[in-house]
Amino acid sequence: MLTLLLVVLTTPFGTIHQSVEGKDDVTGEDLVIREDDKEETVRARLTVYHNQTALSIEYYGKEAVAGNTKYLKFDGTLPVAEVSAQLEKALA
């Protein structure tokens, strides 16, 4: 039997921000805007997310409720080490 595992890392829209315009919050270094950081690129990614990824998450979420797969959801605003520990525990 094939078991499907869906792992979702969530971050609420608008939670990622910078305190000082143009500076990295941690290092204080100047920020560089890459092609994939531009507003039109981010908007295109969000469109793909809403048209494709969100539908997949909804579908496999229902499959998990039906017992056909396992669905794990993690808070992406937590530190990487904490999310990694939660993921390791869930997969053990």
N, C-alpha and C. Protein backbone atom coordinates (compact mmCIF):
# COMPACT_ATOMS: atom_id res chain seq x y z
N MET A 1 0.84 -1.19 0.00
CA MET A 1 0.00 0.00 0.00
C MET A 1 0.89 1.25 0.00
N LEU A 2 0.61 2.15 -0.89
CA LEU A 2 1.35 3.40 -0.99
C LEU A 2 0.77 4.40 -0.01
N THR A 3 1.60 4.97 0.83
CA THR A 3 1.15 5.98 1.78
C THR A 3 1.63 7.34 1.30
N LEU A 4 0.72 8.27 1.23
CA LEU A 4 1.04 9.63 0.82
C LEU A 4 1.09 10.52 2.05
N LEU A 5 2.12 11.33 2.12
CA LEU A 5 2.27 12.25 3.23
C LEU A 5 2.31 13.67 2.68
N LEU A 6 1.42 14.50 3.16
CA LEU A 6 1.39 15.90 2.77
C LEU A 6 1.90 16.73 3.94
N VAL A 7 2.98 17.48 3.71
CA VAL A 7 3.55 18.36 4.73
C VAL A 7 3.37 19.79 4.26
N VAL A 8 2.71 20.61 5.08
CA VAL A 8 2.43 22.00 4.72
C VAL A 8 3.09 22.91 5.75
N LEU A 9 3.85 23.86 5.26
CA LEU A 9 4.49 24.87 6.10
C LEU A 9 3.75 26.18 5.85
N THR A 10 3.16 26.73 6.90
CA THR A 10 2.33 27.92 6.72
C THR A 10 2.96 29.18 7.31
N THR A 11 2.74 30.29 6.64
CA THR A 11 3.08 31.61 7.16
C THR A 11 1.96 32.55 6.74
N PRO A 12 1.34 33.25 7.67
CA PRO A 12 0.27 34.17 7.31
C PRO A 12 0.80 35.27 6.38
N PHE A 13 0.00 35.65 5.42
CA PHE A 13 0.39 36.71 4.49
C PHE A 13 0.64 37.99 5.27
N GLY A 14 1.74 38.65 4.95
CA GLY A 14 2.05 39.92 5.60
C GLY A 14 2.85 39.80 6.87
N THR A 15 3.26 38.59 7.25
CA THR A 15 4.01 38.46 8.50
C THR A 15 5.50 38.67 8.31
N ILE A 16 5.96 38.62 7.08
CA ILE A 16 7.37 38.82 6.83
C ILE A 16 7.56 40.29 6.43
N HIS A 17 8.33 41.00 7.21
CA HIS A 17 8.53 42.42 6.96
C HIS A 17 9.91 42.81 7.46
N GLN A 18 10.30 44.01 7.16
CA GLN A 18 11.58 44.51 7.65
C GLN A 18 11.32 45.73 8.53
N SER A 19 12.12 45.89 9.57
CA SER A 19 11.94 46.99 10.51
C SER A 19 12.49 48.29 9.96
N VAL A 20 13.63 48.21 9.31
CA VAL A 20 14.27 49.40 8.75
C VAL A 20 14.28 49.26 7.24
N GLU A 21 13.70 50.23 6.54
CA GLU A 21 13.60 50.20 5.08
C GLU A 21 14.97 49.96 4.44
N GLY A 22 15.05 48.91 3.61
CA GLY A 22 16.27 48.65 2.86
C GLY A 22 17.38 47.95 3.62
N LYS A 23 17.12 47.56 4.89
CA LYS A 23 18.15 46.90 5.71
C LYS A 23 17.66 45.54 6.20
N ASP A 24 18.59 44.59 6.30
CA ASP A 24 18.30 43.28 6.86
C ASP A 24 18.09 43.45 8.37
N ASP A 25 17.00 42.88 8.89
CA ASP A 25 16.69 43.01 10.32
C ASP A 25 17.74 42.38 11.23
N VAL A 26 18.40 41.33 10.78
CA VAL A 26 19.35 40.61 11.62
C VAL A 26 20.75 41.20 11.50
N THR A 27 21.23 41.38 10.27
CA THR A 27 22.61 41.80 10.08
C THR A 27 22.78 43.30 9.88
N GLY A 28 21.69 44.00 9.51
CA GLY A 28 21.79 45.43 9.24
C GLY A 28 22.36 45.74 7.86
N GLU A 29 22.66 44.70 7.08
CA GLU A 29 23.22 44.89 5.75
C GLU A 29 22.16 45.44 4.79
N ASP A 30 22.63 46.12 3.74
CA ASP A 30 21.73 46.60 2.70
C ASP A 30 21.06 45.41 2.02
N LEU A 31 19.77 45.57 1.72
CA LEU A 31 19.04 44.52 1.01
C LEU A 31 19.23 44.69 -0.49
N VAL A 32 19.29 43.59 -1.19
CA VAL A 32 19.42 43.59 -2.64
C VAL A 32 18.12 43.05 -3.22
N ILE A 33 17.57 43.73 -4.20
CA ILE A 33 16.34 43.26 -4.82
C ILE A 33 16.70 42.42 -6.04
N ARG A 34 16.34 41.13 -5.96
CA ARG A 34 16.59 40.22 -7.08
C ARG A 34 15.37 40.23 -8.00
N GLU A 35 15.52 39.66 -9.18
CA GLU A 35 14.40 39.58 -10.13
C GLU A 35 13.21 38.87 -9.50
N ASP A 36 13.47 37.81 -8.72
CA ASP A 36 12.36 37.06 -8.14
C ASP A 36 11.78 37.72 -6.89
N ASP A 37 12.32 38.89 -6.49
CA ASP A 37 11.78 39.65 -5.36
C ASP A 37 10.82 40.75 -5.81
N LYS A 38 10.76 41.00 -7.10
CA LYS A 38 9.94 42.10 -7.60
C LYS A 38 8.45 41.81 -7.43
N GLU A 39 7.68 42.88 -7.25
CA GLU A 39 6.25 42.74 -6.96
C GLU A 39 5.53 41.89 -8.00
N GLU A 40 5.79 42.11 -9.28
CA GLU A 40 5.05 41.35 -10.30
C GLU A 40 5.37 39.86 -10.24
N THR A 41 6.60 39.51 -9.86
CA THR A 41 6.99 38.10 -9.72
C THR A 41 6.28 37.47 -8.54
N VAL A 42 6.24 38.20 -7.43
CA VAL A 42 5.56 37.68 -6.23
C VAL A 42 4.07 37.52 -6.50
N ARG A 43 3.46 38.50 -7.17
CA ARG A 43 2.03 38.39 -7.50
C ARG A 43 1.76 37.16 -8.39
N ALA A 44 2.65 36.91 -9.36
CA ALA A 44 2.49 35.74 -10.23
C ALA A 44 2.59 34.46 -9.41
N ARG A 45 3.54 34.41 -8.47
CA ARG A 45 3.68 33.22 -7.61
C ARG A 45 2.42 33.00 -6.76
N LEU A 46 1.88 34.08 -6.23
CA LEU A 46 0.66 33.97 -5.41
C LEU A 46 -0.51 33.46 -6.25
N THR A 47 -0.59 33.89 -7.50
CA THR A 47 -1.64 33.41 -8.39
C THR A 47 -1.50 31.91 -8.61
N VAL A 48 -0.28 31.45 -8.88
CA VAL A 48 -0.04 30.01 -9.05
C VAL A 48 -0.41 29.28 -7.77
N TYR A 49 -0.01 29.82 -6.62
CA TYR A 49 -0.34 29.19 -5.34
C TYR A 49 -1.84 29.01 -5.20
N HIS A 50 -2.59 30.09 -5.41
CA HIS A 50 -4.04 30.03 -5.22
C HIS A 50 -4.72 29.15 -6.26
N ASN A 51 -4.19 29.09 -7.48
CA ASN A 51 -4.80 28.29 -8.53
C ASN A 51 -4.40 26.82 -8.51
N GLN A 52 -3.26 26.50 -7.93
CA GLN A 52 -2.78 25.13 -7.98
C GLN A 52 -2.49 24.54 -6.60
N THR A 53 -1.59 25.15 -5.86
CA THR A 53 -1.15 24.58 -4.59
C THR A 53 -2.27 24.52 -3.56
N ALA A 54 -3.01 25.62 -3.42
CA ALA A 54 -4.09 25.65 -2.43
C ALA A 54 -5.13 24.57 -2.72
N LEU A 55 -5.42 24.34 -4.00
CA LEU A 55 -6.38 23.29 -4.36
C LEU A 55 -5.86 21.91 -3.99
N SER A 56 -4.56 21.69 -4.18
CA SER A 56 -3.96 20.40 -3.81
C SER A 56 -4.01 20.19 -2.31
N ILE A 57 -3.70 21.25 -1.56
CA ILE A 57 -3.75 21.15 -0.10
C ILE A 57 -5.17 20.83 0.36
N GLU A 58 -6.15 21.49 -0.23
CA GLU A 58 -7.55 21.22 0.12
C GLU A 58 -7.92 19.76 -0.20
N TYR A 59 -7.54 19.30 -1.38
CA TYR A 59 -7.85 17.93 -1.79
C TYR A 59 -7.22 16.91 -0.84
N TYR A 60 -5.91 17.04 -0.61
CA TYR A 60 -5.22 16.05 0.23
C TYR A 60 -5.61 16.20 1.70
N GLY A 61 -6.04 17.38 2.11
CA GLY A 61 -6.58 17.54 3.45
C GLY A 61 -7.83 16.69 3.63
N LYS A 62 -8.70 16.70 2.61
CA LYS A 62 -9.91 15.87 2.64
C LYS A 62 -9.55 14.38 2.59
N GLU A 63 -8.52 14.05 1.81
CA GLU A 63 -8.06 12.66 1.76
C GLU A 63 -7.56 12.20 3.14
N ALA A 64 -6.91 13.10 3.87
CA ALA A 64 -6.42 12.77 5.21
C ALA A 64 -7.59 12.52 6.15
N VAL A 65 -8.62 13.36 6.07
CA VAL A 65 -9.81 13.17 6.91
C VAL A 65 -10.45 11.81 6.61
N ALA A 66 -10.41 11.41 5.33
CA ALA A 66 -10.98 10.12 4.94
C ALA A 66 -10.06 8.94 5.30
N GLY A 67 -8.84 9.24 5.79
CA GLY A 67 -7.92 8.19 6.18
C GLY A 67 -7.06 7.66 5.05
N ASN A 68 -7.04 8.36 3.92
CA ASN A 68 -6.28 7.89 2.76
C ASN A 68 -4.86 8.43 2.69
N THR A 69 -4.54 9.39 3.50
CA THR A 69 -3.20 9.96 3.52
C THR A 69 -2.96 10.59 4.89
N LYS A 70 -1.77 11.06 5.11
CA LYS A 70 -1.45 11.75 6.35
C LYS A 70 -1.14 13.20 6.03
N TYR A 71 -1.67 14.11 6.81
CA TYR A 71 -1.54 15.54 6.57
C TYR A 71 -0.88 16.19 7.79
N LEU A 72 0.27 16.81 7.59
CA LEU A 72 0.99 17.48 8.67
C LEU A 72 1.10 18.96 8.33
N LYS A 73 0.79 19.81 9.28
CA LYS A 73 0.85 21.25 9.06
C LYS A 73 1.74 21.87 10.14
N PHE A 74 2.67 22.71 9.70
CA PHE A 74 3.62 23.33 10.62
C PHE A 74 3.61 24.84 10.45
N ASP A 75 3.85 25.54 11.55
CA ASP A 75 3.88 27.00 11.57
C ASP A 75 5.22 27.50 11.05
N GLY A 76 5.22 28.09 9.86
CA GLY A 76 6.45 28.56 9.24
C GLY A 76 7.03 29.82 9.83
N THR A 77 6.35 30.41 10.81
CA THR A 77 6.90 31.60 11.47
C THR A 77 7.81 31.24 12.63
N LEU A 78 7.83 29.95 12.99
CA LEU A 78 8.70 29.51 14.09
C LEU A 78 10.14 29.38 13.61
N PRO A 79 11.10 29.39 14.52
CA PRO A 79 12.50 29.20 14.12
C PRO A 79 12.70 27.85 13.40
N VAL A 80 13.63 27.83 12.46
CA VAL A 80 13.89 26.64 11.66
C VAL A 80 14.16 25.42 12.54
N ALA A 81 14.95 25.58 13.58
CA ALA A 81 15.28 24.46 14.46
C ALA A 81 14.02 23.88 15.11
N GLU A 82 13.09 24.74 15.48
CA GLU A 82 11.86 24.27 16.12
C GLU A 82 10.98 23.51 15.12
N VAL A 83 10.84 24.05 13.93
CA VAL A 83 10.05 23.36 12.89
C VAL A 83 10.70 22.03 12.54
N SER A 84 12.03 22.02 12.41
CA SER A 84 12.74 20.77 12.11
C SER A 84 12.49 19.73 13.19
N ALA A 85 12.54 20.15 14.45
CA ALA A 85 12.30 19.22 15.56
C ALA A 85 10.86 18.68 15.51
N GLN A 86 9.91 19.54 15.21
CA GLN A 86 8.51 19.11 15.12
C GLN A 86 8.33 18.11 13.98
N LEU A 87 8.98 18.39 12.85
CA LEU A 87 8.89 17.52 11.70
C LEU A 87 9.51 16.14 11.99
N GLU A 88 10.70 16.17 12.60
CA GLU A 88 11.37 14.90 12.96
C GLU A 88 10.50 14.07 13.90
N LYS A 89 9.89 14.74 14.89
CA LYS A 89 9.03 14.03 15.84
C LYS A 89 7.81 13.43 15.14
N ALA A 90 7.22 14.21 14.23
CA ALA A 90 6.02 13.74 13.53
C ALA A 90 6.32 12.56 12.61
N LEU A 91 7.54 12.52 12.05
CA LEU A 91 7.88 11.45 11.13
C LEU A 91 8.47 10.22 11.82
N ALA A 92 8.74 10.32 13.11
CA ALA A 92 9.35 9.20 13.84
C ALA A 92 8.37 8.04 14.01
